[in-house]
Amino acid sequence: MRLKKWLIGVLVIVGVLFLLFKFVAWPMMKEETKKISPQKTAVYNQDGYDLSVAYSSPLKKGRVIFGELVPFDKVWRTGANEPTTFTTSTAIKIIDKDLPAGTYSLWTIPTAGSWKVIFNSEVADWGVTLISGGKETTRNPEADVLQVEVPTSVILTSQEEFLIDFIETEQLNLSLSWDDVAAIVPINK
């Protein structure tokens, strides 16, 4: 009988601790990380496009970014905190591949000379797993909708914050840049 009461007591304590973590600690932790890597949005509404990207923008802070903080040849959540999201209200093409209207999580796999850019139909609650200490992403590869590879270029002036923006040259592009690296993703109709 004592063992049963003890087990019930332990289960109640574990349940209370879980609820405290889920409803108090987790929301506080998310809020604190956004102070370090603020939420940003890039929007493009011209020429029939209605596009937006929501992401958290980490800072360089004297660190070596690509190859160290963001390892080469591993999936990166492309920012900090929650996964970066890319939303289009109409069907578009990324380079020459069709991307239907919708909201996608945006993931990248940086290498020394190019980035694989991945649009995934699932938007996870957080971009990395806590169990891995932030080294493993929450991306489900089976939900990948589209993947392209783009070359990177060197930025002459080191960029302190990670930036995503839409830029127009001869066509519309999605620009991902940080430190001394930029990846440009062509967008077409």
N, C-alpha and C. Protein backbone atom coordinates (compact mmCIF):
# COMPACT_ATOMS: atom_id res chain seq x y z
N MET A 1 0.82 -1.20 0.00
CA MET A 1 0.00 0.00 0.00
C MET A 1 0.87 1.26 0.00
N ARG A 2 1.96 1.24 0.83
CA ARG A 2 2.85 2.39 0.88
C ARG A 2 3.51 2.63 -0.47
N LEU A 3 3.92 1.55 -1.12
CA LEU A 3 4.56 1.67 -2.42
C LEU A 3 3.62 2.31 -3.44
N LYS A 4 2.36 1.91 -3.39
CA LYS A 4 1.38 2.46 -4.31
C LYS A 4 1.20 3.96 -4.08
N LYS A 5 1.11 4.38 -2.82
CA LYS A 5 0.98 5.80 -2.50
C LYS A 5 2.22 6.57 -2.93
N TRP A 6 3.39 5.96 -2.72
CA TRP A 6 4.64 6.60 -3.10
C TRP A 6 4.69 6.80 -4.62
N LEU A 7 4.32 5.76 -5.37
CA LEU A 7 4.32 5.86 -6.83
C LEU A 7 3.34 6.93 -7.32
N ILE A 8 2.17 6.99 -6.72
CA ILE A 8 1.18 8.01 -7.09
C ILE A 8 1.75 9.40 -6.80
N GLY A 9 2.41 9.55 -5.65
CA GLY A 9 3.03 10.84 -5.29
C GLY A 9 4.10 11.24 -6.29
N VAL A 10 4.94 10.28 -6.70
CA VAL A 10 5.98 10.56 -7.68
C VAL A 10 5.37 10.96 -9.02
N LEU A 11 4.34 10.24 -9.44
CA LEU A 11 3.67 10.57 -10.70
C LEU A 11 3.04 11.95 -10.66
N VAL A 12 2.45 12.33 -9.54
CA VAL A 12 1.86 13.67 -9.41
C VAL A 12 2.95 14.73 -9.51
N ILE A 13 4.06 14.52 -8.82
CA ILE A 13 5.17 15.49 -8.86
C ILE A 13 5.72 15.61 -10.28
N VAL A 14 5.94 14.49 -10.95
CA VAL A 14 6.44 14.51 -12.33
C VAL A 14 5.44 15.24 -13.24
N GLY A 15 4.16 14.97 -13.05
CA GLY A 15 3.13 15.64 -13.86
C GLY A 15 3.12 17.14 -13.64
N VAL A 16 3.22 17.58 -12.39
CA VAL A 16 3.25 19.01 -12.08
C VAL A 16 4.50 19.65 -12.70
N LEU A 17 5.65 18.99 -12.56
CA LEU A 17 6.89 19.52 -13.15
C LEU A 17 6.77 19.63 -14.67
N PHE A 18 6.18 18.63 -15.31
CA PHE A 18 5.98 18.67 -16.75
C PHE A 18 5.09 19.86 -17.14
N LEU A 19 4.00 20.04 -16.43
CA LEU A 19 3.09 21.15 -16.74
C LEU A 19 3.75 22.51 -16.51
N LEU A 20 4.54 22.62 -15.44
CA LEU A 20 5.28 23.87 -15.21
C LEU A 20 6.25 24.15 -16.35
N PHE A 21 6.96 23.12 -16.80
CA PHE A 21 7.89 23.30 -17.92
C PHE A 21 7.14 23.72 -19.18
N LYS A 22 6.07 23.01 -19.49
CA LYS A 22 5.33 23.26 -20.74
C LYS A 22 4.66 24.64 -20.75
N PHE A 23 4.07 25.04 -19.64
CA PHE A 23 3.28 26.28 -19.65
C PHE A 23 3.98 27.49 -19.04
N VAL A 24 5.12 27.29 -18.38
CA VAL A 24 5.83 28.43 -17.79
C VAL A 24 7.25 28.53 -18.35
N ALA A 25 8.07 27.50 -18.15
CA ALA A 25 9.47 27.57 -18.54
C ALA A 25 9.66 27.65 -20.06
N TRP A 26 8.96 26.82 -20.82
CA TRP A 26 9.11 26.81 -22.28
C TRP A 26 8.73 28.15 -22.90
N PRO A 27 7.57 28.73 -22.58
CA PRO A 27 7.25 30.06 -23.14
C PRO A 27 8.26 31.14 -22.73
N MET A 28 8.75 31.08 -21.49
CA MET A 28 9.75 32.06 -21.05
C MET A 28 11.05 31.90 -21.83
N MET A 29 11.45 30.65 -22.04
CA MET A 29 12.68 30.38 -22.78
C MET A 29 12.56 30.88 -24.22
N LYS A 30 11.41 30.65 -24.84
CA LYS A 30 11.21 31.13 -26.21
C LYS A 30 11.29 32.65 -26.28
N GLU A 31 10.69 33.32 -25.30
CA GLU A 31 10.70 34.79 -25.27
C GLU A 31 12.11 35.32 -25.08
N GLU A 32 12.89 34.70 -24.21
CA GLU A 32 14.25 35.14 -23.95
C GLU A 32 15.14 34.98 -25.18
N THR A 33 14.99 33.87 -25.91
CA THR A 33 15.84 33.66 -27.09
C THR A 33 15.51 34.67 -28.18
N LYS A 34 14.28 35.16 -28.21
CA LYS A 34 13.92 36.16 -29.23
C LYS A 34 14.55 37.51 -28.95
N LYS A 35 14.95 37.75 -27.70
CA LYS A 35 15.68 38.98 -27.39
C LYS A 35 17.08 38.92 -27.99
N ILE A 36 17.66 37.73 -28.04
CA ILE A 36 19.00 37.54 -28.57
C ILE A 36 18.98 37.47 -30.09
N SER A 37 17.99 36.80 -30.64
CA SER A 37 17.83 36.65 -32.10
C SER A 37 16.44 37.14 -32.47
N PRO A 38 16.28 38.45 -32.70
CA PRO A 38 14.94 39.01 -32.89
C PRO A 38 14.22 38.48 -34.14
N GLN A 39 12.91 38.44 -34.03
CA GLN A 39 12.04 38.02 -35.13
C GLN A 39 12.02 39.11 -36.20
N LYS A 40 12.15 38.71 -37.47
CA LYS A 40 12.10 39.64 -38.59
C LYS A 40 11.20 39.06 -39.67
N THR A 41 10.74 39.95 -40.55
CA THR A 41 9.92 39.53 -41.67
C THR A 41 10.36 40.28 -42.93
N ALA A 42 10.50 39.54 -44.01
CA ALA A 42 10.76 40.14 -45.33
C ALA A 42 9.50 39.94 -46.16
N VAL A 43 9.07 41.00 -46.84
CA VAL A 43 7.82 40.94 -47.61
C VAL A 43 8.07 41.47 -49.02
N TYR A 44 7.43 40.84 -50.00
CA TYR A 44 7.49 41.32 -51.38
C TYR A 44 6.09 41.21 -51.98
N ASN A 45 5.51 42.36 -52.33
CA ASN A 45 4.16 42.43 -52.92
C ASN A 45 4.19 43.30 -54.16
N GLN A 46 4.71 42.77 -55.25
CA GLN A 46 4.75 43.49 -56.52
C GLN A 46 4.64 42.51 -57.66
N ASP A 47 4.22 43.01 -58.81
CA ASP A 47 4.21 42.23 -60.04
C ASP A 47 3.49 40.90 -59.90
N GLY A 48 2.43 40.86 -59.12
CA GLY A 48 1.65 39.63 -58.95
C GLY A 48 2.20 38.68 -57.90
N TYR A 49 3.32 39.03 -57.28
CA TYR A 49 3.87 38.20 -56.20
C TYR A 49 3.31 38.68 -54.87
N ASP A 50 3.05 37.76 -53.97
CA ASP A 50 2.67 38.06 -52.59
C ASP A 50 3.46 37.08 -51.73
N LEU A 51 4.68 37.49 -51.36
CA LEU A 51 5.62 36.61 -50.68
C LEU A 51 6.03 37.18 -49.34
N SER A 52 6.29 36.31 -48.39
CA SER A 52 6.84 36.75 -47.10
C SER A 52 7.70 35.65 -46.50
N VAL A 53 8.69 36.09 -45.74
CA VAL A 53 9.56 35.18 -45.02
C VAL A 53 9.64 35.67 -43.58
N ALA A 54 9.34 34.80 -42.63
CA ALA A 54 9.45 35.12 -41.20
C ALA A 54 10.59 34.29 -40.63
N TYR A 55 11.50 34.97 -39.91
CA TYR A 55 12.68 34.28 -39.40
C TYR A 55 13.21 35.00 -38.17
N SER A 56 14.07 34.33 -37.42
CA SER A 56 14.78 34.94 -36.31
C SER A 56 16.21 35.21 -36.77
N SER A 57 16.72 36.39 -36.44
CA SER A 57 17.99 36.88 -36.96
C SER A 57 19.10 36.86 -35.91
N PRO A 58 19.91 35.79 -35.88
CA PRO A 58 21.02 35.74 -34.93
C PRO A 58 22.14 36.70 -35.33
N LEU A 59 23.01 37.01 -34.37
CA LEU A 59 24.15 37.90 -34.61
C LEU A 59 25.45 37.11 -34.66
N LYS A 60 26.41 37.65 -35.36
CA LYS A 60 27.73 37.02 -35.51
C LYS A 60 28.51 37.02 -34.18
N LYS A 61 28.57 38.12 -33.49
CA LYS A 61 29.24 38.25 -32.19
C LYS A 61 30.67 37.73 -32.21
N GLY A 62 31.42 38.01 -33.28
CA GLY A 62 32.81 37.61 -33.35
C GLY A 62 33.06 36.14 -33.64
N ARG A 63 32.01 35.38 -33.87
CA ARG A 63 32.15 33.94 -34.09
C ARG A 63 32.42 33.64 -35.57
N VAL A 64 33.03 32.49 -35.83
CA VAL A 64 33.14 31.97 -37.18
C VAL A 64 31.80 31.30 -37.47
N ILE A 65 31.09 31.76 -38.50
CA ILE A 65 29.73 31.28 -38.72
C ILE A 65 29.72 29.99 -39.52
N PHE A 66 30.02 30.07 -40.81
CA PHE A 66 29.86 28.90 -41.68
C PHE A 66 31.07 27.99 -41.59
N GLY A 67 30.78 26.73 -41.33
CA GLY A 67 31.82 25.74 -41.12
C GLY A 67 32.06 25.47 -39.64
N GLU A 68 31.60 26.38 -38.76
CA GLU A 68 31.76 26.17 -37.31
C GLU A 68 30.41 26.28 -36.61
N LEU A 69 29.93 27.52 -36.35
CA LEU A 69 28.63 27.67 -35.69
C LEU A 69 27.53 26.98 -36.51
N VAL A 70 27.54 27.22 -37.80
CA VAL A 70 26.64 26.53 -38.74
C VAL A 70 27.51 25.55 -39.52
N PRO A 71 27.50 24.27 -39.13
CA PRO A 71 28.40 23.30 -39.77
C PRO A 71 28.07 23.10 -41.25
N PHE A 72 29.11 22.83 -42.03
CA PHE A 72 28.91 22.47 -43.44
C PHE A 72 28.29 21.08 -43.54
N ASP A 73 27.51 20.90 -44.59
CA ASP A 73 26.91 19.60 -44.94
C ASP A 73 25.91 19.07 -43.92
N LYS A 74 25.35 19.97 -43.09
CA LYS A 74 24.31 19.58 -42.14
C LYS A 74 23.12 20.52 -42.32
N VAL A 75 21.92 20.00 -42.10
CA VAL A 75 20.72 20.82 -42.23
C VAL A 75 20.73 21.91 -41.16
N TRP A 76 20.46 23.14 -41.61
CA TRP A 76 20.39 24.30 -40.71
C TRP A 76 18.98 24.84 -40.76
N ARG A 77 18.45 25.29 -39.64
CA ARG A 77 17.10 25.83 -39.59
C ARG A 77 17.00 27.21 -40.23
N THR A 78 18.13 27.72 -40.72
CA THR A 78 18.18 28.97 -41.49
C THR A 78 17.70 30.14 -40.66
N GLY A 79 18.38 30.36 -39.57
CA GLY A 79 18.05 31.39 -38.61
C GLY A 79 18.16 30.80 -37.23
N ALA A 80 17.36 31.31 -36.32
CA ALA A 80 17.37 30.83 -34.94
C ALA A 80 15.93 30.57 -34.51
N ASN A 81 15.78 29.97 -33.33
CA ASN A 81 14.47 29.75 -32.72
C ASN A 81 13.59 28.84 -33.58
N GLU A 82 12.35 29.26 -33.87
CA GLU A 82 11.45 28.44 -34.70
C GLU A 82 12.00 28.38 -36.13
N PRO A 83 11.57 27.38 -36.89
CA PRO A 83 12.02 27.33 -38.29
C PRO A 83 11.59 28.59 -39.06
N THR A 84 12.42 28.98 -39.99
CA THR A 84 12.08 30.07 -40.90
C THR A 84 10.91 29.62 -41.76
N THR A 85 9.93 30.52 -42.00
CA THR A 85 8.81 30.17 -42.86
C THR A 85 8.80 31.04 -44.10
N PHE A 86 8.45 30.44 -45.21
CA PHE A 86 8.32 31.11 -46.50
C PHE A 86 6.87 30.93 -46.94
N THR A 87 6.19 32.04 -47.24
CA THR A 87 4.78 31.99 -47.64
C THR A 87 4.61 32.64 -49.00
N THR A 88 3.88 31.95 -49.88
CA THR A 88 3.51 32.51 -51.17
C THR A 88 2.01 32.30 -51.37
N SER A 89 1.32 33.35 -51.83
CA SER A 89 -0.13 33.23 -52.03
C SER A 89 -0.47 32.67 -53.41
N THR A 90 0.53 32.58 -54.28
CA THR A 90 0.32 32.01 -55.61
C THR A 90 1.42 31.00 -55.91
N ALA A 91 1.17 30.15 -56.87
CA ALA A 91 2.20 29.19 -57.29
C ALA A 91 3.35 29.95 -57.95
N ILE A 92 4.57 29.57 -57.62
CA ILE A 92 5.76 30.19 -58.19
C ILE A 92 6.74 29.10 -58.58
N LYS A 93 7.85 29.52 -59.15
CA LYS A 93 8.95 28.60 -59.44
C LYS A 93 10.18 29.06 -58.67
N ILE A 94 10.84 28.12 -58.07
CA ILE A 94 12.14 28.37 -57.46
C ILE A 94 13.14 27.80 -58.45
N ILE A 95 13.89 28.68 -59.07
CA ILE A 95 14.71 28.39 -60.25
C ILE A 95 13.74 27.86 -61.32
N ASP A 96 13.70 26.55 -61.55
CA ASP A 96 12.78 26.00 -62.56
C ASP A 96 11.83 24.95 -61.97
N LYS A 97 11.75 24.91 -60.63
CA LYS A 97 10.91 23.91 -59.96
C LYS A 97 9.66 24.57 -59.40
N ASP A 98 8.51 23.91 -59.58
CA ASP A 98 7.23 24.45 -59.12
C ASP A 98 7.10 24.39 -57.60
N LEU A 99 6.62 25.52 -57.04
CA LEU A 99 6.28 25.58 -55.62
C LEU A 99 4.85 26.07 -55.51
N PRO A 100 3.91 25.21 -55.10
CA PRO A 100 2.51 25.63 -54.98
C PRO A 100 2.33 26.71 -53.90
N ALA A 101 1.22 27.42 -53.99
CA ALA A 101 0.90 28.41 -52.96
C ALA A 101 0.84 27.71 -51.60
N GLY A 102 1.31 28.42 -50.56
CA GLY A 102 1.27 27.84 -49.22
C GLY A 102 2.35 28.42 -48.33
N THR A 103 2.43 27.86 -47.13
CA THR A 103 3.47 28.24 -46.17
C THR A 103 4.36 27.03 -45.95
N TYR A 104 5.66 27.27 -46.01
CA TYR A 104 6.66 26.21 -45.93
C TYR A 104 7.71 26.58 -44.89
N SER A 105 8.28 25.58 -44.24
CA SER A 105 9.48 25.84 -43.46
C SER A 105 10.65 25.84 -44.45
N LEU A 106 11.61 26.71 -44.20
CA LEU A 106 12.75 26.89 -45.10
C LEU A 106 14.01 26.41 -44.39
N TRP A 107 14.67 25.44 -44.95
CA TRP A 107 15.87 24.84 -44.39
C TRP A 107 16.99 24.97 -45.41
N THR A 108 18.22 24.98 -44.95
CA THR A 108 19.35 25.01 -45.87
C THR A 108 20.42 24.02 -45.42
N ILE A 109 21.23 23.61 -46.38
CA ILE A 109 22.42 22.80 -46.10
C ILE A 109 23.59 23.55 -46.71
N PRO A 110 24.28 24.36 -45.88
CA PRO A 110 25.42 25.12 -46.40
C PRO A 110 26.64 24.23 -46.65
N THR A 111 27.36 24.54 -47.72
CA THR A 111 28.68 23.96 -47.98
C THR A 111 29.60 25.14 -48.28
N ALA A 112 30.86 24.88 -48.53
CA ALA A 112 31.82 25.95 -48.75
C ALA A 112 31.51 26.76 -50.01
N GLY A 113 30.89 26.17 -51.02
CA GLY A 113 30.66 26.90 -52.27
C GLY A 113 29.22 27.01 -52.72
N SER A 114 28.31 26.33 -52.02
CA SER A 114 26.89 26.38 -52.41
C SER A 114 26.02 26.04 -51.22
N TRP A 115 24.73 26.31 -51.38
CA TRP A 115 23.74 25.94 -50.36
C TRP A 115 22.62 25.17 -51.04
N LYS A 116 22.19 24.10 -50.40
CA LYS A 116 20.94 23.46 -50.79
C LYS A 116 19.85 24.19 -50.02
N VAL A 117 18.81 24.60 -50.72
CA VAL A 117 17.68 25.31 -50.11
C VAL A 117 16.48 24.38 -50.19
N ILE A 118 15.83 24.14 -49.05
CA ILE A 118 14.78 23.14 -48.95
C ILE A 118 13.48 23.80 -48.47
N PHE A 119 12.40 23.57 -49.20
CA PHE A 119 11.06 24.02 -48.80
C PHE A 119 10.32 22.79 -48.31
N ASN A 120 9.83 22.84 -47.08
CA ASN A 120 9.23 21.68 -46.42
C ASN A 120 7.80 22.03 -46.02
N SER A 121 6.87 21.11 -46.21
CA SER A 121 5.45 21.40 -45.95
C SER A 121 5.09 21.45 -44.47
N GLU A 122 5.98 20.96 -43.59
CA GLU A 122 5.70 20.99 -42.15
C GLU A 122 6.44 22.16 -41.51
N VAL A 123 5.74 22.84 -40.61
CA VAL A 123 6.37 23.91 -39.83
C VAL A 123 6.38 23.44 -38.37
N ALA A 124 7.54 23.01 -37.92
CA ALA A 124 7.68 22.48 -36.57
C ALA A 124 7.59 23.60 -35.54
N ASP A 125 7.32 23.23 -34.29
CA ASP A 125 7.19 24.21 -33.21
C ASP A 125 8.52 24.87 -32.90
N TRP A 126 9.62 24.16 -33.02
CA TRP A 126 10.94 24.70 -32.73
C TRP A 126 11.89 24.14 -33.77
N GLY A 127 12.95 24.81 -34.09
CA GLY A 127 13.81 24.41 -35.20
C GLY A 127 14.80 23.31 -34.90
N VAL A 128 15.11 23.09 -33.62
CA VAL A 128 16.05 22.04 -33.25
C VAL A 128 15.50 21.26 -32.07
N THR A 129 16.08 20.09 -31.84
CA THR A 129 15.64 19.28 -30.71
C THR A 129 16.42 19.67 -29.46
N LEU A 130 15.75 19.70 -28.33
CA LEU A 130 16.42 20.01 -27.07
C LEU A 130 17.35 18.87 -26.64
N ILE A 131 16.95 17.65 -26.94
CA ILE A 131 17.74 16.48 -26.54
C ILE A 131 19.13 16.52 -27.17
N SER A 132 19.22 17.03 -28.41
CA SER A 132 20.51 17.08 -29.11
C SER A 132 21.34 18.29 -28.71
N GLY A 133 20.82 19.12 -27.85
CA GLY A 133 21.52 20.35 -27.48
C GLY A 133 21.55 21.35 -28.62
N GLY A 134 20.59 21.25 -29.53
CA GLY A 134 20.50 22.17 -30.66
C GLY A 134 21.26 21.73 -31.89
N LYS A 135 21.83 20.53 -31.87
CA LYS A 135 22.62 20.07 -33.01
C LYS A 135 21.81 19.36 -34.08
N GLU A 136 20.61 18.91 -33.75
CA GLU A 136 19.76 18.21 -34.70
C GLU A 136 18.50 19.04 -34.95
N THR A 137 18.09 19.15 -36.20
CA THR A 137 16.89 19.93 -36.52
C THR A 137 15.63 19.08 -36.37
N THR A 138 14.50 19.76 -36.38
CA THR A 138 13.20 19.08 -36.29
C THR A 138 12.60 18.84 -37.68
N ARG A 139 13.35 19.08 -38.73
CA ARG A 139 12.87 18.88 -40.10
C ARG A 139 12.56 17.42 -40.37
N ASN A 140 11.40 17.19 -40.99
CA ASN A 140 11.01 15.86 -41.43
C ASN A 140 11.31 15.79 -42.93
N PRO A 141 12.38 15.10 -43.37
CA PRO A 141 12.75 15.07 -44.78
C PRO A 141 11.65 14.52 -45.70
N GLU A 142 10.76 13.69 -45.15
CA GLU A 142 9.68 13.13 -45.97
C GLU A 142 8.67 14.20 -46.39
N ALA A 143 8.68 15.35 -45.70
CA ALA A 143 7.75 16.44 -46.03
C ALA A 143 8.39 17.49 -46.94
N ASP A 144 9.61 17.22 -47.44
CA ASP A 144 10.24 18.16 -48.37
C ASP A 144 9.42 18.25 -49.64
N VAL A 145 9.13 19.48 -50.05
CA VAL A 145 8.35 19.71 -51.26
C VAL A 145 9.28 20.03 -52.44
N LEU A 146 10.36 20.73 -52.13
CA LEU A 146 11.25 21.19 -53.19
C LEU A 146 12.64 21.40 -52.62
N GLN A 147 13.65 21.09 -53.42
CA GLN A 147 15.04 21.32 -53.02
C GLN A 147 15.83 21.80 -54.23
N VAL A 148 16.57 22.90 -54.06
CA VAL A 148 17.44 23.41 -55.12
C VAL A 148 18.81 23.69 -54.52
N GLU A 149 19.80 23.77 -55.39
CA GLU A 149 21.13 24.14 -54.94
C GLU A 149 21.55 25.41 -55.64
N VAL A 150 22.06 26.37 -54.87
CA VAL A 150 22.50 27.65 -55.42
C VAL A 150 23.93 27.93 -54.98
N PRO A 151 24.70 28.58 -55.85
CA PRO A 151 26.07 28.92 -55.46
C PRO A 151 26.05 30.06 -54.43
N THR A 152 27.11 30.14 -53.64
CA THR A 152 27.25 31.25 -52.71
C THR A 152 28.25 32.25 -53.29
N SER A 153 28.18 33.46 -52.79
CA SER A 153 29.16 34.48 -53.16
C SER A 153 29.70 35.10 -51.89
N VAL A 154 30.85 35.75 -52.02
CA VAL A 154 31.50 36.37 -50.87
C VAL A 154 31.03 37.82 -50.78
N ILE A 155 30.67 38.24 -49.57
CA ILE A 155 30.30 39.63 -49.30
C ILE A 155 31.58 40.34 -48.86
N LEU A 156 31.85 41.50 -49.42
CA LEU A 156 33.09 42.21 -49.11
C LEU A 156 33.15 42.73 -47.68
N THR A 157 32.02 43.17 -47.15
CA THR A 157 31.96 43.66 -45.77
C THR A 157 31.20 42.65 -44.93
N SER A 158 31.84 42.18 -43.87
CA SER A 158 31.21 41.19 -43.01
C SER A 158 29.88 41.72 -42.45
N GLN A 159 28.87 40.89 -42.49
CA GLN A 159 27.53 41.25 -42.06
C GLN A 159 27.27 40.68 -40.67
N GLU A 160 27.01 41.55 -39.69
CA GLU A 160 26.84 41.14 -38.29
C GLU A 160 25.59 40.29 -38.07
N GLU A 161 24.48 40.63 -38.71
CA GLU A 161 23.24 39.89 -38.47
C GLU A 161 22.83 39.08 -39.70
N PHE A 162 22.19 37.96 -39.43
CA PHE A 162 21.66 37.13 -40.50
C PHE A 162 20.47 37.86 -41.11
N LEU A 163 20.47 37.99 -42.44
CA LEU A 163 19.40 38.71 -43.14
C LEU A 163 18.81 37.87 -44.27
N ILE A 164 17.50 37.93 -44.38
CA ILE A 164 16.78 37.37 -45.52
C ILE A 164 16.00 38.52 -46.13
N ASP A 165 16.09 38.65 -47.45
CA ASP A 165 15.37 39.73 -48.12
C ASP A 165 15.07 39.33 -49.56
N PHE A 166 14.18 40.07 -50.17
CA PHE A 166 13.88 39.92 -51.59
C PHE A 166 14.62 41.02 -52.32
N ILE A 167 15.36 40.65 -53.36
CA ILE A 167 16.08 41.65 -54.15
C ILE A 167 15.74 41.44 -55.62
N GLU A 168 15.73 42.56 -56.35
CA GLU A 168 15.46 42.50 -57.78
C GLU A 168 16.72 42.84 -58.55
N THR A 169 17.08 41.97 -59.46
CA THR A 169 18.13 42.27 -60.43
C THR A 169 17.41 42.19 -61.77
N GLU A 170 17.81 41.28 -62.63
CA GLU A 170 17.02 41.06 -63.85
C GLU A 170 15.73 40.31 -63.53
N GLN A 171 15.69 39.71 -62.36
CA GLN A 171 14.52 38.96 -61.89
C GLN A 171 14.45 39.06 -60.38
N LEU A 172 13.42 38.49 -59.81
CA LEU A 172 13.25 38.49 -58.35
C LEU A 172 14.10 37.37 -57.75
N ASN A 173 14.75 37.68 -56.62
CA ASN A 173 15.58 36.70 -55.92
C ASN A 173 15.31 36.77 -54.43
N LEU A 174 15.48 35.63 -53.79
CA LEU A 174 15.48 35.56 -52.34
C LEU A 174 16.94 35.55 -51.92
N SER A 175 17.34 36.51 -51.09
CA SER A 175 18.72 36.63 -50.64
C SER A 175 18.83 36.18 -49.20
N LEU A 176 19.78 35.28 -48.94
CA LEU A 176 20.10 34.80 -47.59
C LEU A 176 21.56 35.17 -47.35
N SER A 177 21.83 36.02 -46.35
CA SER A 177 23.21 36.46 -46.17
C SER A 177 23.55 36.63 -44.69
N TRP A 178 24.83 36.32 -44.41
CA TRP A 178 25.34 36.47 -43.05
C TRP A 178 26.86 36.34 -43.11
N ASP A 179 27.53 37.04 -42.22
CA ASP A 179 28.98 37.03 -42.14
C ASP A 179 29.52 37.53 -43.49
N ASP A 180 30.25 36.71 -44.21
CA ASP A 180 30.75 37.14 -45.52
C ASP A 180 30.22 36.27 -46.65
N VAL A 181 29.03 35.68 -46.43
CA VAL A 181 28.45 34.75 -47.41
C VAL A 181 27.03 35.17 -47.78
N ALA A 182 26.73 35.07 -49.08
CA ALA A 182 25.36 35.30 -49.56
C ALA A 182 24.96 34.17 -50.49
N ALA A 183 23.72 33.72 -50.35
CA ALA A 183 23.14 32.73 -51.26
C ALA A 183 21.91 33.40 -51.89
N ILE A 184 21.85 33.37 -53.21
CA ILE A 184 20.77 34.03 -53.94
C ILE A 184 19.93 32.96 -54.63
N VAL A 185 18.61 32.96 -54.33
CA VAL A 185 17.69 31.95 -54.84
C VAL A 185 16.73 32.62 -55.84
N PRO A 186 16.84 32.29 -57.14
CA PRO A 186 15.95 32.89 -58.13
C PRO A 186 14.49 32.45 -57.96
N ILE A 187 13.58 33.41 -58.10
CA ILE A 187 12.14 33.16 -58.02
C ILE A 187 11.51 33.58 -59.34
N ASN A 188 10.68 32.73 -59.92
CA ASN A 188 10.01 32.99 -61.19
C ASN A 188 8.54 32.68 -61.10
N LYS A 189 7.80 33.12 -62.10
CA LYS A 189 6.37 32.77 -62.17
C LYS A 189 6.19 31.58 -63.06
